[in-house]
């Protein structure tokens, strides 16, 4: 990853997470496209940041908020109910907050401005390349989930118009609706070299998030649904971890956190702690509110996209669907842009394609078409967004636990001088995060593969189970 140090060129920090799951890649790769904070291209330890604490809180919240919100009632069901789910969420929040502090500490010590810089500087080039590969895969998986969410909204509308067997009509099936809508409205937005025209897309994402939360709460009072509860066996404690990918996916703001810290005015760990505590607290409140009211309304019948569980004719649900579709249309190009930029950076640093700059336009068109086509095909064959979140949730866990844990262990271990008890405790904690993250990544990914291969995953609509 090219360094961001030592240049006077003005950059605009791109925060692509302003809507539903738009995760920032880094300061260089997502510049000038969706942010309003500009900082000199200097190291965070020496440059003067421009972001106030409220602005930094807003950016971090935007980075975390996303499609994971739609999956939270289902995650509460996977965890075994409200009590176990909240306990698990709060436990993970401790690790989530600690890793955000680790990344800020390493960024300050080694004068880094991006997540990849921190990992490569502390852990070596191999870890830096692994981070870039994970970012590409994460963006790719998030794009799949976004197309699936668009399809979910169309499915429910078609069900209201033509009944539960709507998918028997080819022009109402998600294979047609997602493909046609994606080709007409999403793909054209992905082709440009820059995406400055989507600069204010974050506002759409914030509005969509609020509307979804309001819709879930309102449905608890007006839907008249009776929650379904399925008895669990003696190994129910083990099933609680089925909610971990949704939690990781929902709280992943760590890739964006280093540029946010670099942009913070008068950056100190005390001011950063205020940003982190308020940002994570707001996210936790929003997710928990959605999870609690969704689970109280639906119980174990909550679908991976909670809006699929409600009467599509309800005004609050209609408003939520419209907001989500608009957010997905504006979010997909940004996420694709970040993934494509990370891919091009990886290609350039490994010299896989020579004379890249001269052939950039042709390569960009081909890469965009291949990226969109692959995500579209996978969105059509994956049964529901819960499966997609299962895959990308494991990668999100790497951003939250694995890479920061190794960065902490290496940073403390490489520090000169005699090691104190505190130093050894920090090394052990870093290794705990690393090993625990590797375990959860393996467990989450393996379960997602097995669930998908078994064919037992529920379809997003009853129509596809019949046909």
Protein backbone atom coordinates (compact mmCIF):
# COMPACT_ATOMS: atom_id res chain seq x y z
CA UNK A 1 0.00 0.00 0.00
CA UNK A 2 1.55 3.34 -0.99
CA UNK A 3 2.32 5.57 1.94
CA UNK A 4 0.24 8.66 2.61
CA UNK A 5 3.13 10.44 4.33
CA UNK A 6 5.27 13.26 3.05
CA UNK A 7 3.01 14.96 0.54
CA UNK A 8 1.31 18.32 0.55
CA UNK A 9 -1.46 17.17 -1.77
CA UNK A 10 -4.93 17.78 -0.37
CA UNK A 11 -7.08 14.67 -0.03
CA UNK A 12 -10.72 14.22 0.76
CA UNK A 13 -11.31 11.34 3.11
CA UNK A 14 -13.94 9.05 1.63
CA UNK A 15 -16.25 7.50 4.17
CA UNK A 16 -18.23 4.99 2.11
CA UNK A 17 -20.09 3.59 5.09
CA UNK A 18 -22.55 6.42 5.22
CA UNK A 19 -25.36 4.15 4.06
CA UNK A 20 -26.05 0.45 4.37
CA UNK A 21 -22.75 -1.30 4.80
CA UNK A 22 -20.46 0.86 2.77
CA UNK A 23 -17.09 0.08 4.30
CA UNK A 24 -14.15 2.40 3.69
CA UNK A 25 -11.03 0.91 2.19
CA UNK A 26 -8.46 3.56 3.00
CA UNK A 27 -7.51 7.20 2.77
CA UNK A 28 -6.00 6.93 -0.71
CA UNK A 29 -8.25 4.44 -2.44
CA UNK A 30 -11.55 6.09 -1.54
CA UNK A 31 -10.63 9.75 -1.89
CA UNK A 32 -12.79 12.53 -3.12
CA UNK A 33 -15.99 10.55 -3.50
CA UNK A 34 -18.25 10.61 -0.50
CA UNK A 35 -16.83 12.67 2.30
CA UNK A 36 -16.81 16.23 3.46
CA UNK A 37 -13.66 16.18 5.60
CA UNK A 38 -10.40 17.03 3.88
CA UNK A 39 -6.99 16.78 5.52
CA UNK A 40 -3.46 17.26 4.27
CA UNK A 41 -1.81 14.05 3.21
CA UNK A 42 0.47 13.87 6.25
CA UNK A 43 1.03 11.47 9.08
CA UNK A 44 -1.48 11.46 11.93
CA UNK A 45 1.22 12.07 14.48
CA UNK A 46 2.35 15.37 12.93
CA UNK A 47 -0.54 16.82 10.93
CA UNK A 48 -3.32 18.94 12.36
CA UNK A 49 -6.66 17.16 12.07
CA UNK A 50 -9.81 19.03 11.15
CA UNK A 51 -12.58 16.76 12.44
CA UNK A 52 -14.35 17.67 15.64
CA UNK A 53 -15.46 15.01 18.11
CA UNK A 54 -19.13 15.11 16.95
CA UNK A 55 -18.02 14.82 13.31
CA UNK A 56 -15.77 11.89 14.14
CA UNK A 57 -18.59 10.18 16.05
CA UNK A 58 -20.92 10.61 13.08
CA UNK A 59 -18.36 9.13 10.68
CA UNK A 60 -17.67 6.09 12.88
CA UNK A 61 -21.40 5.48 13.35
CA UNK A 62 -21.91 5.71 9.59
CA UNK A 63 -19.06 3.26 9.10
CA UNK A 64 -20.73 0.70 11.34
CA UNK A 65 -24.39 1.13 10.46
CA UNK A 66 -25.53 -0.99 7.57
CA UNK A 67 -27.36 -4.02 6.27
CA UNK A 68 -26.52 -5.81 9.49
CA UNK A 69 -29.40 -3.89 11.04
CA UNK A 70 -31.88 -5.91 8.95
CA UNK A 71 -30.37 -9.14 10.26
CA UNK A 72 -30.35 -8.34 13.98
CA UNK A 73 -33.76 -9.78 14.97
CA UNK A 74 -32.69 -13.03 13.31
CA UNK A 75 -29.37 -12.82 15.17
CA UNK A 76 -31.29 -12.50 18.46
CA UNK A 77 -33.12 -15.68 17.49
CA UNK A 78 -29.83 -17.44 16.68
CA UNK A 79 -28.42 -16.39 20.04
CA UNK A 80 -31.34 -17.95 21.90
CA UNK A 81 -33.33 -14.90 22.89
CA UNK A 82 -32.97 -11.38 24.18
CA UNK A 83 -30.89 -12.17 27.26
CA UNK A 84 -28.17 -14.29 25.60
CA UNK A 85 -28.08 -11.98 22.57
CA UNK A 86 -27.54 -8.80 24.59
CA UNK A 87 -24.95 -10.54 26.78
CA UNK A 88 -23.07 -11.70 23.70
CA UNK A 89 -23.35 -8.28 22.05
CA UNK A 90 -21.98 -6.49 25.13
CA UNK A 91 -19.13 -8.99 25.46
CA UNK A 92 -18.10 -8.49 21.86
CA UNK A 93 -18.40 -4.72 22.30
CA UNK A 94 -15.56 -4.90 24.85
CA UNK A 95 -13.29 -6.46 22.23
CA UNK A 96 -14.59 -4.14 19.52
CA UNK A 97 -13.77 -1.05 21.59
CA UNK A 98 -10.37 -2.36 22.70
CA UNK A 99 -9.31 -3.10 19.11
CA UNK A 100 -10.30 0.44 18.09
CA UNK A 101 -7.96 1.74 20.79
CA UNK A 102 -5.22 -0.63 19.60
CA UNK A 103 -5.48 0.65 16.03
CA UNK A 104 -5.37 4.29 17.16
CA UNK A 105 -2.34 3.62 19.39
CA UNK A 106 -0.44 1.91 16.57
CA UNK A 107 -1.43 4.62 14.07
CA UNK A 108 -0.06 7.29 16.40
CA UNK A 109 3.13 5.42 17.24
CA UNK A 110 4.04 4.52 13.65
CA UNK A 111 2.51 7.62 12.00
CA UNK A 112 0.05 5.67 9.86
CA UNK A 113 -3.05 7.02 8.12
CA UNK A 114 -4.78 3.85 6.94
CA UNK A 115 -5.73 0.46 8.35
CA UNK A 116 -3.45 -1.35 5.90
CA UNK A 117 -0.51 0.85 6.84
CA UNK A 118 -0.96 0.00 10.50
CA UNK A 119 -1.07 -3.75 9.86
CA UNK A 120 1.79 -3.78 7.36
CA UNK A 121 4.00 -1.57 9.54
CA UNK A 122 3.45 -3.60 12.69
CA UNK A 123 3.12 -7.12 11.27
CA UNK A 124 5.03 -7.10 7.98
CA UNK A 125 4.30 -7.05 4.25
CA UNK A 126 2.61 -10.47 4.27
CA UNK A 127 -0.02 -9.30 6.74
CA UNK A 128 -0.45 -6.10 4.71
CA UNK A 129 -1.23 -8.07 1.57
CA UNK A 130 -3.55 -10.36 3.55
CA UNK A 131 -5.39 -7.28 4.80
CA UNK A 132 -5.91 -6.01 1.25
CA UNK A 133 -7.18 -9.41 0.12
CA UNK A 134 -9.63 -9.49 3.03
CA UNK A 135 -10.86 -6.02 2.16
CA UNK A 136 -11.50 -7.07 -1.45
CA UNK A 137 -13.39 -10.18 -0.34
CA UNK A 138 -15.35 -8.18 2.24
CA UNK A 139 -16.42 -5.57 -0.31
CA UNK A 140 -17.33 -8.32 -2.78
CA UNK A 141 -19.49 -10.12 -0.21
CA UNK A 142 -21.14 -6.87 0.85
CA UNK A 143 -22.07 -6.13 -2.79
CA UNK A 144 -23.72 -9.56 -2.99
CA UNK A 145 -25.72 -8.83 0.16
CA UNK A 146 -26.85 -5.47 -1.24
CA UNK A 147 -28.23 -6.99 -4.44
CA UNK A 148 -29.99 -9.64 -2.37
CA UNK A 149 -31.58 -6.96 -0.19
CA UNK A 150 -32.90 -5.21 -3.32
CA UNK A 151 -34.35 -8.54 -4.46
CA UNK A 152 -35.97 -9.10 -1.07
CA UNK A 153 -37.86 -5.83 -1.29
CA UNK A 154 -39.13 -6.58 -4.81
CA UNK A 155 -40.18 -10.10 -3.76
CA UNK A 156 -42.42 -8.79 -1.01
CA UNK A 157 -43.99 -6.19 -3.30
CA UNK A 158 -44.69 -8.85 -5.94
CA UNK A 159 -46.19 -11.10 -3.27
CA UNK A 160 -48.68 -8.37 -2.36
CA UNK A 161 -49.56 -7.77 -6.02
CA UNK A 162 -49.89 -11.36 -7.25
CA UNK A 163 -49.97 -13.61 -4.19
CA UNK A 164 -47.49 -16.07 -2.71
CA UNK A 165 -46.91 -17.81 -6.06
CA UNK A 166 -45.70 -14.64 -7.78
CA UNK A 167 -42.34 -16.16 -8.72
CA UNK A 168 -44.08 -18.57 -11.10
CA UNK A 169 -44.24 -15.57 -13.44
CA UNK A 170 -40.75 -15.05 -14.90
CA UNK A 171 -41.06 -11.27 -14.96
CA UNK A 172 -41.79 -11.24 -11.20
CA UNK A 173 -39.08 -13.70 -10.17
CA UNK A 174 -36.04 -12.23 -8.41
CA UNK A 175 -33.84 -13.60 -11.20
CA UNK A 176 -35.47 -11.06 -13.49
CA UNK A 177 -36.14 -8.21 -11.05
CA UNK A 178 -32.63 -8.13 -9.56
CA UNK A 179 -30.97 -8.52 -12.97
CA UNK A 180 -33.07 -5.88 -14.71
CA UNK A 181 -32.92 -3.39 -11.85
CA UNK A 182 -29.20 -3.93 -11.31
CA UNK A 183 -28.28 -3.57 -14.98
CA UNK A 184 -30.45 -0.47 -15.47
CA UNK A 185 -29.77 1.43 -12.25
CA UNK A 186 -26.76 -0.02 -10.39
CA UNK A 187 -24.23 -0.98 -13.08
CA UNK A 188 -24.15 2.46 -14.81
CA UNK A 189 -23.20 4.07 -11.48
CA UNK A 190 -20.23 1.69 -11.09
CA UNK A 191 -18.50 2.47 -14.39
CA UNK A 192 -17.11 6.01 -13.75
CA UNK A 193 -13.53 6.35 -12.52
CA UNK A 194 -14.70 8.49 -9.61
CA UNK A 195 -17.94 8.65 -7.66
CA UNK A 196 -18.05 12.29 -6.58
CA UNK A 197 -21.69 12.42 -7.66
CA UNK A 198 -22.51 10.13 -4.70
CA UNK A 199 -20.79 12.45 -2.24
CA UNK A 200 -23.87 12.87 -0.04
CA UNK A 201 -25.15 9.30 -0.21
CA UNK A 202 -24.47 8.94 3.51
CA UNK A 203 -27.55 11.05 4.23
CA UNK A 204 -29.70 8.47 2.44
CA UNK A 205 -28.19 5.70 4.52
CA UNK A 206 -28.85 7.52 7.79
CA UNK A 207 -32.46 8.19 6.83
CA UNK A 208 -32.95 4.55 5.77
CA UNK A 209 -31.51 3.34 9.07
CA UNK A 210 -33.87 5.53 11.09
CA UNK A 211 -36.88 4.48 9.01
CA UNK A 212 -36.08 0.76 9.45
CA UNK A 213 -35.75 1.11 13.23
CA UNK A 214 -39.02 3.04 13.43
CA UNK A 215 -40.75 0.44 11.26
CA UNK A 216 -39.58 -2.44 13.47
CA UNK A 217 -40.74 -0.67 16.64
CA UNK A 218 -44.08 0.32 15.10
CA UNK A 219 -44.74 -3.24 13.93
CA UNK A 220 -44.43 -4.50 17.50
CA UNK A 221 -47.47 -2.42 18.41
CA UNK A 222 -49.61 -2.72 15.25
CA UNK A 223 -48.78 -6.01 13.52
CA UNK A 224 -50.70 -8.32 15.83
CA UNK A 225 -48.18 -11.10 15.11
CA UNK A 226 -47.61 -13.84 17.67
CA UNK A 227 -43.91 -14.58 18.25
CA UNK A 228 -42.80 -18.14 17.52
CA UNK A 229 -40.38 -19.81 19.91
CA UNK A 230 -38.61 -23.06 19.01
CA UNK A 231 -37.30 -25.16 21.94
CA UNK A 232 -33.54 -25.67 22.03
CA UNK A 233 -31.52 -28.71 23.01
CA UNK A 234 -28.85 -29.14 25.66
CA UNK A 235 -26.19 -27.68 23.36
CA UNK A 236 -28.00 -24.36 23.06
CA UNK A 237 -24.99 -22.52 24.50
CA UNK A 238 -22.97 -23.52 21.44
CA UNK A 239 -25.70 -22.26 19.11
CA UNK A 240 -25.33 -18.81 20.65
CA UNK A 241 -22.21 -18.25 18.55
CA UNK A 242 -24.37 -18.42 15.43
CA UNK A 243 -25.09 -14.76 16.10
CA UNK A 244 -21.41 -13.78 15.99
CA UNK A 245 -21.16 -13.08 12.22
CA UNK A 246 -24.12 -10.69 12.39
CA UNK A 247 -22.51 -8.84 15.30
CA UNK A 248 -19.13 -8.61 13.57
CA UNK A 249 -20.75 -7.49 10.33
CA UNK A 250 -22.85 -4.88 12.13
CA UNK A 251 -20.03 -3.34 14.18
CA UNK A 252 -17.20 -3.44 11.62
CA UNK A 253 -15.98 0.15 11.42
CA UNK A 254 -12.32 -0.62 12.09
CA UNK A 255 -11.07 -0.24 8.52
CA UNK A 256 -12.43 3.32 8.57
CA UNK A 257 -11.32 4.08 12.12
CA UNK A 258 -7.66 4.81 11.36
CA UNK A 259 -8.42 7.58 8.79
CA UNK A 260 -10.99 8.96 11.23
CA UNK A 261 -8.37 9.08 13.98
CA UNK A 262 -5.94 10.73 11.54
CA UNK A 263 -8.53 13.43 10.82
CA UNK A 264 -9.40 14.09 14.48
CA UNK A 265 -8.64 17.58 15.71
CA UNK A 266 -6.18 17.65 18.66
CA UNK A 267 -5.95 13.86 18.58
CA UNK A 268 -5.34 12.33 21.96
CA UNK A 269 -6.40 8.98 23.35
CA UNK A 270 -8.76 10.81 25.72
CA UNK A 271 -10.58 12.53 22.84
CA UNK A 272 -10.54 9.31 20.82
CA UNK A 273 -12.09 7.46 23.77
CA UNK A 274 -15.00 9.91 23.72
CA UNK A 275 -15.50 9.23 20.01
CA UNK A 276 -15.38 5.46 20.44
CA UNK A 277 -17.62 5.24 23.50
CA UNK A 278 -20.33 7.47 22.02
CA UNK A 279 -20.15 5.90 18.55
CA UNK A 280 -20.28 2.30 19.76
CA UNK A 281 -22.94 3.26 22.29
CA UNK A 282 -25.16 4.75 19.57
CA UNK A 283 -24.67 1.69 17.39
CA UNK A 284 -25.40 -0.66 20.26
CA UNK A 285 -28.57 1.25 21.15
CA UNK A 286 -29.84 1.16 17.56
CA UNK A 287 -29.01 -2.50 16.97
CA UNK A 288 -30.37 -3.60 20.33
CA UNK A 289 -33.60 -1.65 19.86
CA UNK A 290 -34.12 -3.31 16.48
CA UNK A 291 -33.19 -6.74 17.78
CA UNK A 292 -35.37 -6.56 20.89
CA UNK A 293 -38.54 -5.27 19.22
CA UNK A 294 -38.04 -7.50 16.20
CA UNK A 295 -37.62 -10.57 18.38
CA UNK A 296 -40.54 -9.63 20.65
CA UNK A 297 -42.72 -9.35 17.55
CA UNK A 298 -41.52 -12.38 15.59
CA UNK A 299 -39.52 -14.61 17.91
CA UNK A 300 -37.70 -17.39 16.07
CA UNK A 301 -39.79 -16.68 12.95
CA UNK A 302 -37.68 -13.59 12.21
CA UNK A 303 -36.18 -13.84 8.73
CA UNK A 304 -32.62 -12.84 7.89
CA UNK A 305 -34.08 -9.66 6.34
CA UNK A 306 -36.52 -8.60 9.02
CA UNK A 307 -38.64 -6.58 6.57
CA UNK A 308 -39.53 -9.87 4.87
CA UNK A 309 -41.38 -10.90 8.03
CA UNK A 310 -43.90 -8.05 8.02
CA UNK A 311 -47.04 -7.23 6.07
CA UNK A 312 -45.79 -5.38 3.00
CA UNK A 313 -48.93 -3.23 2.87
CA UNK A 314 -48.16 -1.48 6.19
CA UNK A 315 -47.16 2.20 5.61
CA UNK A 316 -44.13 2.02 7.90
CA UNK A 317 -42.88 -1.11 6.11
CA UNK A 318 -43.43 0.46 2.69
CA UNK A 319 -41.42 3.51 3.74
CA UNK A 320 -38.65 1.27 5.06
CA UNK A 321 -38.53 -0.71 1.80
CA UNK A 322 -38.28 2.42 -0.33
CA UNK A 323 -35.52 3.80 1.87
CA UNK A 324 -33.58 0.53 1.80
CA UNK A 325 -33.75 0.20 -2.00
CA UNK A 326 -32.57 3.77 -2.53
CA UNK A 327 -29.77 3.22 -0.01
CA UNK A 328 -28.67 0.04 -1.78
CA UNK A 329 -28.62 1.74 -5.19
CA UNK A 330 -26.34 4.50 -3.89
CA UNK A 331 -24.30 2.18 -1.66
CA UNK A 332 -23.37 -0.54 -4.13
CA UNK A 333 -21.31 1.75 -6.44
CA UNK A 334 -19.35 3.10 -3.47
CA UNK A 335 -18.59 -0.33 -2.05
CA UNK A 336 -17.68 -1.56 -5.53
CA UNK A 337 -15.42 1.46 -6.02
CA UNK A 338 -13.56 0.72 -2.79
CA UNK A 339 -13.21 -2.97 -3.62
CA UNK A 340 -12.07 -2.18 -7.17
CA UNK A 341 -9.54 0.34 -5.86
CA UNK A 342 -8.14 -2.18 -3.40
CA UNK A 343 -7.93 -4.74 -6.20
CA UNK A 344 -6.10 -2.32 -8.50
CA UNK A 345 -3.69 -1.40 -5.70
CA UNK A 346 -2.96 -5.06 -5.07
CA UNK A 347 -2.44 -5.67 -8.79
CA UNK A 348 -0.08 -2.72 -9.10
CA UNK A 349 2.03 -3.64 -6.08
CA UNK A 350 2.39 -7.21 -7.28
CA UNK A 351 3.06 -6.13 -10.91
CA UNK A 352 0.52 -8.61 -12.26
CA UNK A 353 -0.45 -6.20 -15.05
CA UNK A 354 2.20 -4.12 -16.78
CA UNK A 355 1.56 -0.60 -18.10
CA UNK A 356 -1.46 -0.40 -15.82
CA UNK A 357 -1.93 3.38 -16.03
CA UNK A 358 -1.97 3.40 -19.84
CA UNK A 359 -4.63 0.68 -19.92
CA UNK A 360 -6.58 1.88 -16.88
CA UNK A 361 -9.84 2.69 -18.70
CA UNK A 362 -10.09 -0.68 -20.43
CA UNK A 363 -9.11 -2.55 -17.27
CA UNK A 364 -11.66 -0.56 -15.25
CA UNK A 365 -14.50 -1.38 -17.65
CA UNK A 366 -13.62 -5.08 -17.73
CA UNK A 367 -13.10 -5.30 -13.95
CA UNK A 368 -16.41 -3.49 -13.27
CA UNK A 369 -18.35 -5.77 -15.60
CA UNK A 370 -16.79 -8.93 -14.13
CA UNK A 371 -17.32 -7.72 -10.54
CA UNK A 372 -20.97 -6.83 -11.14
CA UNK A 373 -21.69 -10.03 -13.08
CA UNK A 374 -20.20 -12.27 -10.39
CA UNK A 375 -22.00 -10.51 -7.54
CA UNK A 376 -25.26 -10.66 -9.51
CA UNK A 377 -24.94 -14.41 -10.19
CA UNK A 378 -24.12 -15.15 -6.55
CA UNK A 379 -26.97 -12.90 -5.35
CA UNK A 380 -29.34 -15.02 -7.43
CA UNK A 381 -28.15 -18.39 -6.10
CA UNK A 382 -27.57 -17.59 -2.40
CA UNK A 383 -30.89 -18.29 -0.61
CA UNK A 384 -30.93 -15.37 1.86
CA UNK A 385 -28.77 -12.55 3.20
CA UNK A 386 -28.10 -14.52 6.37
CA UNK A 387 -25.85 -16.84 4.34
CA UNK A 388 -24.03 -13.89 2.76
CA UNK A 389 -23.56 -12.24 6.16
CA UNK A 390 -22.21 -15.56 7.44
CA UNK A 391 -19.36 -15.34 4.94
CA UNK A 392 -18.49 -11.65 5.27
CA UNK A 393 -19.06 -11.73 9.04
CA UNK A 394 -16.04 -13.99 9.43
CA UNK A 395 -13.89 -11.53 7.48
CA UNK A 396 -15.25 -8.67 9.59
CA UNK A 397 -14.09 -10.63 12.64
CA UNK A 398 -10.56 -10.59 11.20
CA UNK A 399 -10.69 -6.78 10.94
CA UNK A 400 -11.92 -6.53 14.52
CA UNK A 401 -9.87 -9.24 16.28
CA UNK A 402 -7.17 -10.96 14.22
CA UNK A 403 -5.24 -8.08 12.68
CA UNK A 404 -5.47 -5.66 15.67
CA UNK A 405 -4.52 -8.50 18.04
CA UNK A 406 -1.35 -9.31 16.12
CA UNK A 407 -0.58 -5.60 15.75
CA UNK A 408 -0.75 -5.16 19.54
CA UNK A 409 1.40 -8.21 20.27
CA UNK A 410 4.05 -7.22 17.73
CA UNK A 411 4.07 -3.56 18.77
CA UNK A 412 4.64 -4.34 22.46
CA UNK A 413 7.07 -7.18 21.77
CA UNK A 414 9.19 -5.00 19.45
CA UNK A 415 9.34 -2.10 21.92
CA UNK A 416 12.86 -1.55 23.29
CA UNK A 417 13.70 -1.91 26.94
CA UNK A 418 12.88 -4.34 29.69
CA UNK A 419 9.38 -5.76 29.51
CA UNK A 420 7.12 -5.14 32.51
CA UNK A 421 4.22 -7.24 33.74
CA UNK A 422 1.90 -4.86 31.90
CA UNK A 423 3.84 -5.45 28.66
CA UNK A 424 3.50 -9.21 28.92
CA UNK A 425 -0.19 -8.83 29.77
CA UNK A 426 -0.70 -6.72 26.62
CA UNK A 427 1.16 -9.28 24.51
CA UNK A 428 -1.02 -12.06 25.91
CA UNK A 429 -4.17 -10.03 25.27
CA UNK A 430 -3.08 -9.38 21.70
CA UNK A 431 -2.44 -13.09 21.16
CA UNK A 432 -5.81 -13.86 22.75
CA UNK A 433 -7.54 -11.58 20.23
CA UNK A 434 -5.52 -13.10 17.38
CA UNK A 435 -6.15 -16.74 18.30
CA UNK A 436 -9.77 -16.11 19.28
CA UNK A 437 -10.37 -14.26 16.01
CA UNK A 438 -8.81 -17.06 13.97
CA UNK A 439 -11.01 -19.59 15.77
CA UNK A 440 -14.19 -17.57 15.20
CA UNK A 441 -13.27 -16.91 11.57
CA UNK A 442 -12.82 -20.63 10.97
CA UNK A 443 -15.97 -21.54 12.85
CA UNK A 444 -18.11 -18.87 11.15
CA UNK A 445 -16.80 -19.59 7.65
CA UNK A 446 -17.07 -23.37 8.02
CA UNK A 447 -20.64 -23.13 9.29
CA UNK A 448 -21.60 -20.75 6.46
CA UNK A 449 -20.17 -23.17 3.87
CA UNK A 450 -21.90 -26.16 5.45
CA UNK A 451 -25.22 -24.34 5.72
CA UNK A 452 -25.04 -23.31 2.09
CA UNK A 453 -23.89 -26.75 0.88
CA UNK A 454 -26.57 -28.58 2.88
CA UNK A 455 -29.36 -26.78 1.05
CA UNK A 456 -31.22 -26.34 4.35
CA UNK A 457 -30.96 -22.56 4.42
CA UNK A 458 -34.39 -20.93 4.26
CA UNK A 459 -35.27 -19.02 1.11
CA UNK A 460 -36.05 -15.34 1.31
CA UNK A 461 -39.63 -15.97 0.18
CA UNK A 462 -42.06 -18.88 0.53
CA UNK A 463 -42.60 -18.80 -3.24
CA UNK A 464 -39.09 -20.09 -3.94
CA UNK A 465 -39.59 -22.96 -1.52
CA UNK A 466 -42.70 -24.00 -3.49
CA UNK A 467 -41.11 -23.57 -6.90
